[in-house]
Every structure is written in structure tokens, then in C-alpha cells.
């Protein structure tokens, strides 16, 4: 009788960090309110190969959104693809500070 309880307790403890990591991946309300539509537009521009236009769209939002992983990753990716390497490194490093396990940012650095 004790063994199933111990197993469930162990499973809960093991899964707890994974659940909290998933919660960290959700966009913050400030991102959605301040520039959600612009971020979607920037994603579309990047996917269409228009990374320089995405950088131009994202840069005015930097004072409001710098430090949020979603914004910084898009800015870093767009800057990297458009050859703006200093900007890319700065934005991608901010992503790794906020979300140390963000694989995309680490790979792009």
C-alpha cells in the first residue's frame, strides 16, 4: 500500500519542474498587450524572408518589450538573418538570461 503512494509522490515531484518550465514559455500579458500584433507580423515577415523589415518593425518596440523572451528571440532571429550580428547577439543573450533553457536562442548564438 505504501509503494503506490511513494511512486505517485515521486512522479509528482519529478513532473513539477517540467510543469513550471511550461508555464515560463507562455507569453506574458505585457507582450500580448504591447506588441502582440506586431510580433505576429514580424514572425510572418521572417518566414517570408523579409528579416530586415521584421527588424524595422520590432526595433520601435524595444523600450517596452526588451527582456521578454518572445520579443527578444524574434528580434535576434530577424537581426541574425539580416546580417545585423551585434543586435542579434544582444537580443539572443537577453533571451538566455530570461529563459536559460531556450534552445533556439542558444543554437542561434
C-alpha atoms as a PDB file:
ATOM      1  CA  UNK A   1       0.000   0.000   0.000  1.00  0.00           C
ATOM      2  CA  UNK A   2       2.865   2.387   0.701  1.00  0.00           C
ATOM      3  CA  UNK A   3       4.635   1.619  -2.589  1.00  0.00           C
ATOM      4  CA  UNK A   4       1.937   3.097  -4.891  1.00  0.00           C
ATOM      5  CA  UNK A   5       1.754   6.241  -2.750  1.00  0.00           C
ATOM      6  CA  UNK A   6       5.540   6.642  -2.853  1.00  0.00           C
ATOM      7  CA  UNK A   7       5.508   6.173  -6.616  1.00  0.00           C
ATOM      8  CA  UNK A   8       2.835   8.854  -7.080  1.00  0.00           C
ATOM      9  CA  UNK A   9       4.697  11.227  -4.778  1.00  0.00           C
ATOM     10  CA  UNK A  10       7.934  10.659  -6.691  1.00  0.00           C
ATOM     11  CA  UNK A  11       6.145  11.159 -10.014  1.00  0.00           C
ATOM     12  CA  UNK A  12       4.623  14.420  -8.783  1.00  0.00           C
ATOM     13  CA  UNK A  13       7.981  15.730  -7.613  1.00  0.00           C
ATOM     14  CA  UNK A  14       9.650  14.766 -10.900  1.00  0.00           C
ATOM     15  CA  UNK A  15       6.919  16.355 -13.039  1.00  0.00           C
ATOM     16  CA  UNK A  16       6.664  19.573 -11.013  1.00  0.00           C
ATOM     17  CA  UNK A  17       9.736  21.258 -12.574  1.00  0.00           C
ATOM     18  CA  UNK A  18       8.553  20.341 -16.074  1.00  0.00           C
ATOM     19  CA  UNK A  19       5.177  21.948 -15.445  1.00  0.00           C
ATOM     20  CA  UNK A  20       6.724  25.144 -14.180  1.00  0.00           C
ATOM     21  CA  UNK A  21       9.020  25.309 -17.228  1.00  0.00           C
ATOM     22  CA  UNK A  22       5.990  25.093 -19.486  1.00  0.00           C
ATOM     23  CA  UNK A  23       4.387  27.977 -17.649  1.00  0.00           C
ATOM     24  CA  UNK A  24       7.507  30.078 -18.313  1.00  0.00           C
ATOM     25  CA  UNK A  25       7.124  29.553 -22.070  1.00  0.00           C
ATOM     26  CA  UNK A  26       3.746  31.276 -22.196  1.00  0.00           C
ATOM     27  CA  UNK A  27       3.847  34.847 -23.463  1.00  0.00           C
ATOM     28  CA  UNK A  28       3.498  37.382 -20.700  1.00  0.00           C
ATOM     29  CA  UNK A  29       0.417  39.609 -20.683  1.00  0.00           C
ATOM     30  CA  UNK A  30       2.592  42.677 -21.278  1.00  0.00           C
ATOM     31  CA  UNK A  31       3.849  41.177 -24.558  1.00  0.00           C
ATOM     32  CA  UNK A  32       0.322  40.471 -25.748  1.00  0.00           C
ATOM     33  CA  UNK A  33      -0.915  43.940 -24.802  1.00  0.00           C
ATOM     34  CA  UNK A  34       2.060  45.982 -26.000  1.00  0.00           C
ATOM     35  CA  UNK A  35       3.013  44.356 -29.270  1.00  0.00           C
ATOM     36  CA  UNK A  36       1.201  41.086 -29.867  1.00  0.00           C
ATOM     37  CA  UNK A  37       0.038  42.035 -33.361  1.00  0.00           C
ATOM     38  CA  UNK A  38       3.459  43.362 -34.280  1.00  0.00           C
ATOM     39  CA  UNK A  39       5.104  40.163 -33.081  1.00  0.00           C
ATOM     40  CA  UNK A  40       2.823  38.072 -35.275  1.00  0.00           C
ATOM     41  CA  UNK A  41       3.576  40.368 -38.213  1.00  0.00           C
ATOM     42  CA  UNK A  42       7.307  40.069 -37.509  1.00  0.00           C
ATOM     43  CA  UNK A  43       7.037  36.269 -37.461  1.00  0.00           C
ATOM     44  CA  UNK A  44       5.339  36.372 -40.857  1.00  0.00           C
ATOM     45  CA  UNK A  45       7.995  38.686 -42.275  1.00  0.00           C
ATOM     46  CA  UNK A  46      10.783  36.402 -41.020  1.00  0.00           C
ATOM     47  CA  UNK A  47       9.056  33.361 -42.517  1.00  0.00           C
ATOM     48  CA  UNK A  48       8.725  35.233 -45.833  1.00  0.00           C
ATOM     49  CA  UNK A  49      12.437  36.012 -45.866  1.00  0.00           C
ATOM     50  CA  UNK A  50      11.976  39.704 -45.115  1.00  0.00           C
ATOM     51  CA  UNK A  51      14.083  39.797 -41.966  1.00  0.00           C
ATOM     52  CA  UNK A  52      15.259  43.399 -42.374  1.00  0.00           C
ATOM     53  CA  UNK A  53      11.630  44.536 -42.484  1.00  0.00           C
ATOM     54  CA  UNK A  54      10.954  42.487 -39.340  1.00  0.00           C
ATOM     55  CA  UNK A  55      13.843  44.249 -37.569  1.00  0.00           C
ATOM     56  CA  UNK A  56      12.417  47.613 -38.637  1.00  0.00           C
ATOM     57  CA  UNK A  57       9.028  46.590 -37.217  1.00  0.00           C
ATOM     58  CA  UNK A  58      10.454  45.270 -33.936  1.00  0.00           C
ATOM     59  CA  UNK A  59      13.012  47.936 -33.031  1.00  0.00           C
ATOM     60  CA  UNK A  60      10.458  50.616 -32.032  1.00  0.00           C
ATOM     61  CA  UNK A  61       9.010  48.118 -29.510  1.00  0.00           C
ATOM     62  CA  UNK A  62      12.359  47.542 -27.795  1.00  0.00           C
ATOM     63  CA  UNK A  63      11.843  50.049 -24.938  1.00  0.00           C
ATOM     64  CA  UNK A  64       8.589  48.292 -23.983  1.00  0.00           C
ATOM     65  CA  UNK A  65       9.391  44.647 -24.696  1.00  0.00           C
ATOM     66  CA  UNK A  66      13.147  44.146 -24.303  1.00  0.00           C
ATOM     67  CA  UNK A  67      13.671  41.475 -21.695  1.00  0.00           C
ATOM     68  CA  UNK A  68      10.735  39.324 -22.776  1.00  0.00           C
ATOM     69  CA  UNK A  69      11.834  36.077 -24.370  1.00  0.00           C
ATOM     70  CA  UNK A  70       9.283  36.090 -27.186  1.00  0.00           C
ATOM     71  CA  UNK A  71      10.183  39.589 -28.371  1.00  0.00           C
ATOM     72  CA  UNK A  72      13.931  39.222 -27.921  1.00  0.00           C
ATOM     73  CA  UNK A  73      14.025  35.904 -29.755  1.00  0.00           C
ATOM     74  CA  UNK A  74      12.150  37.301 -32.754  1.00  0.00           C
ATOM     75  CA  UNK A  75      14.381  40.376 -32.818  1.00  0.00           C
ATOM     76  CA  UNK A  76      17.508  38.232 -32.511  1.00  0.00           C
ATOM     77  CA  UNK A  77      16.400  35.865 -35.251  1.00  0.00           C
ATOM     78  CA  UNK A  78      15.451  38.686 -37.623  1.00  0.00           C
ATOM     79  CA  UNK A  79      18.694  40.549 -36.917  1.00  0.00           C
ATOM     80  CA  UNK A  80      20.757  37.399 -37.432  1.00  0.00           C
ATOM     81  CA  UNK A  81      19.104  36.623 -40.759  1.00  0.00           C
ATOM     82  CA  UNK A  82      19.528  40.209 -41.968  1.00  0.00           C
ATOM     83  CA  UNK A  83      23.231  40.330 -41.066  1.00  0.00           C
ATOM     84  CA  UNK A  84      22.924  42.631 -38.043  1.00  0.00           C
ATOM     85  CA  UNK A  85      25.067  40.431 -35.845  1.00  0.00           C
ATOM     86  CA  UNK A  86      25.684  42.788 -32.915  1.00  0.00           C
ATOM     87  CA  UNK A  87      21.951  43.370 -32.495  1.00  0.00           C
ATOM     88  CA  UNK A  88      21.306  39.637 -32.862  1.00  0.00           C
ATOM     89  CA  UNK A  89      23.802  38.707 -30.160  1.00  0.00           C
ATOM     90  CA  UNK A  90      22.410  41.307 -27.769  1.00  0.00           C
ATOM     91  CA  UNK A  91      18.806  40.166 -28.232  1.00  0.00           C
ATOM     92  CA  UNK A  92      19.611  36.443 -28.078  1.00  0.00           C
ATOM     93  CA  UNK A  93      21.676  36.882 -24.920  1.00  0.00           C
ATOM     94  CA  UNK A  94      18.693  38.602 -23.288  1.00  0.00           C
ATOM     95  CA  UNK A  95      16.597  35.542 -24.162  1.00  0.00           C
ATOM     96  CA  UNK A  96      19.067  33.225 -22.420  1.00  0.00           C
ATOM     97  CA  UNK A  97      19.021  35.433 -19.322  1.00  0.00           C
ATOM     98  CA  UNK A  98      15.229  35.241 -19.076  1.00  0.00           C
ATOM     99  CA  UNK A  99      14.881  31.608 -20.204  1.00  0.00           C
ATOM    100  CA  UNK A 100      18.182  29.787 -19.672  1.00  0.00           C
ATOM    101  CA  UNK A 101      16.845  26.623 -21.337  1.00  0.00           C
ATOM    102  CA  UNK A 102      15.670  28.345 -24.557  1.00  0.00           C
ATOM    103  CA  UNK A 103      17.313  26.003 -27.074  1.00  0.00           C
ATOM    104  CA  UNK A 104      16.628  28.206 -30.102  1.00  0.00           C
ATOM    105  CA  UNK A 105      18.455  31.175 -28.621  1.00  0.00           C
ATOM    106  CA  UNK A 106      21.438  29.065 -27.623  1.00  0.00           C
ATOM    107  CA  UNK A 107      21.652  27.481 -31.061  1.00  0.00           C
ATOM    108  CA  UNK A 108      21.421  30.823 -32.831  1.00  0.00           C
ATOM    109  CA  UNK A 109      24.143  32.321 -30.656  1.00  0.00           C
END
